[in-house]
Amino acid sequence: THTHTHTHTHTLEFTLPHRPNKLRRIRVKLVNAFASANECFTKLDDDGGGSINRKEMVMGLFSLGVWLHPSESSALMDALDSDGGGEIELDELTEYWDSYIFDGWK
């Protein structure tokens, strides 16, 4: 009797393509455009509702001269929307804002 044993090693690299680097790049774009997370949030919260949806974020940033590639806006929404509600609140934006520094993680 002949038996083949195959060992497969799977990594998660294909599902997490350089997200920390992408989020760090986006953070640099935001810091160059806004003095603080609070200013960024206020300018993007178009309807004054206290939260930012994907459209408000993308269109607001674009109107202020910050263009995000669709994959960047998706990564940003996924990272910021920690409660999964589909919208970003000020505390979620502030946590992201404070988590990244130019040479890596805090």
Protein backbone atom coordinates (compact mmCIF):
# COMPACT_ATOMS: atom_id res chain seq x y z
CA THR A 1 0.00 0.00 0.00
CA HIS A 2 1.34 3.40 -0.99
CA THR A 3 0.17 6.54 0.80
CA HIS A 4 0.88 10.13 -0.16
CA THR A 5 1.09 12.74 2.51
CA HIS A 6 0.85 16.31 1.34
CA THR A 7 1.49 19.21 3.60
CA HIS A 8 -0.06 22.45 2.48
CA THR A 9 0.85 25.68 4.13
CA HIS A 10 -1.61 28.48 3.63
CA THR A 11 -0.91 32.06 4.53
CA LEU A 12 -3.25 34.97 4.87
CA GLU A 13 -1.11 37.27 2.76
CA PHE A 14 -3.53 37.21 -0.15
CA THR A 15 -6.38 38.47 2.03
CA LEU A 16 -4.39 41.24 3.72
CA PRO A 17 -2.42 42.96 0.96
CA HIS A 18 -0.17 45.50 2.66
CA ARG A 19 -3.05 47.09 4.51
CA PRO A 20 -0.93 48.75 7.24
CA ASN A 21 1.22 50.45 4.60
CA LYS A 22 -1.85 51.55 2.66
CA LEU A 23 -3.48 52.95 5.80
CA ARG A 24 -0.26 54.74 6.70
CA ARG A 25 -0.14 56.35 3.23
CA ILE A 26 -3.75 57.50 3.57
CA ARG A 27 -2.98 58.92 7.02
CA VAL A 28 -0.15 60.99 5.51
CA LYS A 29 -2.58 62.36 2.90
CA LEU A 30 -5.04 63.31 5.64
CA VAL A 31 -2.41 64.93 7.87
CA ASN A 32 -1.26 67.03 4.93
CA ALA A 33 -4.83 68.25 4.36
CA PHE A 34 -6.14 68.68 7.92
CA ALA A 35 -4.73 69.99 11.20
CA SER A 36 -6.56 67.41 13.33
CA ALA A 37 -8.92 64.46 13.26
CA ASN A 38 -11.65 66.78 14.51
CA GLU A 39 -11.16 69.24 11.63
CA CYS A 40 -11.11 66.36 9.13
CA PHE A 41 -14.31 64.90 10.57
CA THR A 42 -16.13 68.24 10.65
CA LYS A 43 -15.29 69.02 7.02
CA LEU A 44 -16.29 65.53 5.83
CA ASP A 45 -19.54 65.27 7.80
CA ASP A 46 -21.44 66.96 4.98
CA ASP A 47 -24.92 66.68 6.47
CA GLY A 48 -23.82 67.41 10.06
CA GLY A 49 -25.28 64.10 11.19
CA GLY A 50 -22.37 63.13 13.44
CA SER A 51 -21.12 60.32 11.22
CA ILE A 52 -19.46 59.95 7.83
CA ASN A 53 -20.60 57.41 5.26
CA ARG A 54 -18.44 56.16 2.40
CA LYS A 55 -19.84 58.70 -0.08
CA GLU A 56 -19.29 61.65 2.28
CA MET A 57 -15.73 60.47 2.93
CA VAL A 58 -14.73 59.93 -0.70
CA MET A 59 -16.51 62.98 -2.14
CA GLY A 60 -15.47 65.20 0.77
CA LEU A 61 -11.81 64.24 0.50
CA PHE A 62 -11.91 64.63 -3.29
CA SER A 63 -13.42 68.12 -3.02
CA LEU A 64 -10.59 69.04 -0.63
CA GLY A 65 -7.94 67.78 -3.03
CA VAL A 66 -7.32 64.38 -1.40
CA TRP A 67 -7.91 61.62 -3.95
CA LEU A 68 -8.16 58.03 -2.70
CA HIS A 69 -7.93 55.05 -4.99
CA PRO A 70 -11.06 52.84 -4.60
CA SER A 71 -8.96 50.21 -2.81
CA GLU A 72 -7.72 52.90 -0.42
CA SER A 73 -11.22 54.12 0.38
CA SER A 74 -12.34 50.52 0.98
CA ALA A 75 -9.35 49.83 3.25
CA LEU A 76 -9.99 53.07 5.12
CA MET A 77 -13.70 52.37 5.65
CA ASP A 78 -12.96 48.80 6.76
CA ALA A 79 -10.31 49.99 9.21
CA LEU A 80 -12.26 52.92 10.62
CA ASP A 81 -15.73 51.42 10.85
CA SER A 82 -14.83 49.39 13.94
CA ASP A 83 -18.46 48.78 14.94
CA GLY A 84 -19.45 47.64 11.43
CA GLY A 85 -22.24 50.19 11.14
CA GLY A 86 -21.26 51.37 7.66
CA GLU A 87 -20.48 54.85 8.93
CA ILE A 88 -17.52 56.41 10.72
CA GLU A 89 -17.95 58.29 13.98
CA LEU A 90 -15.50 60.88 15.32
CA ASP A 91 -14.04 58.51 17.92
CA GLU A 92 -13.30 55.92 15.21
CA LEU A 93 -11.54 58.53 13.05
CA THR A 94 -9.60 59.86 16.06
CA GLU A 95 -8.42 56.35 17.01
CA TYR A 96 -7.11 55.82 13.45
CA TRP A 97 -5.58 59.31 13.35
CA ASP A 98 -3.67 58.65 16.59
CA SER A 99 -2.63 55.10 15.69
CA TYR A 100 -0.29 55.89 12.83
CA ILE A 101 2.90 57.86 12.85
CA PHE A 102 5.17 58.42 9.88
CA ASP A 103 7.65 55.67 10.63
CA GLY A 104 5.20 52.98 11.64
CA TRP A 105 2.88 52.06 14.48
CA LYS A 106 2.74 54.04 17.69
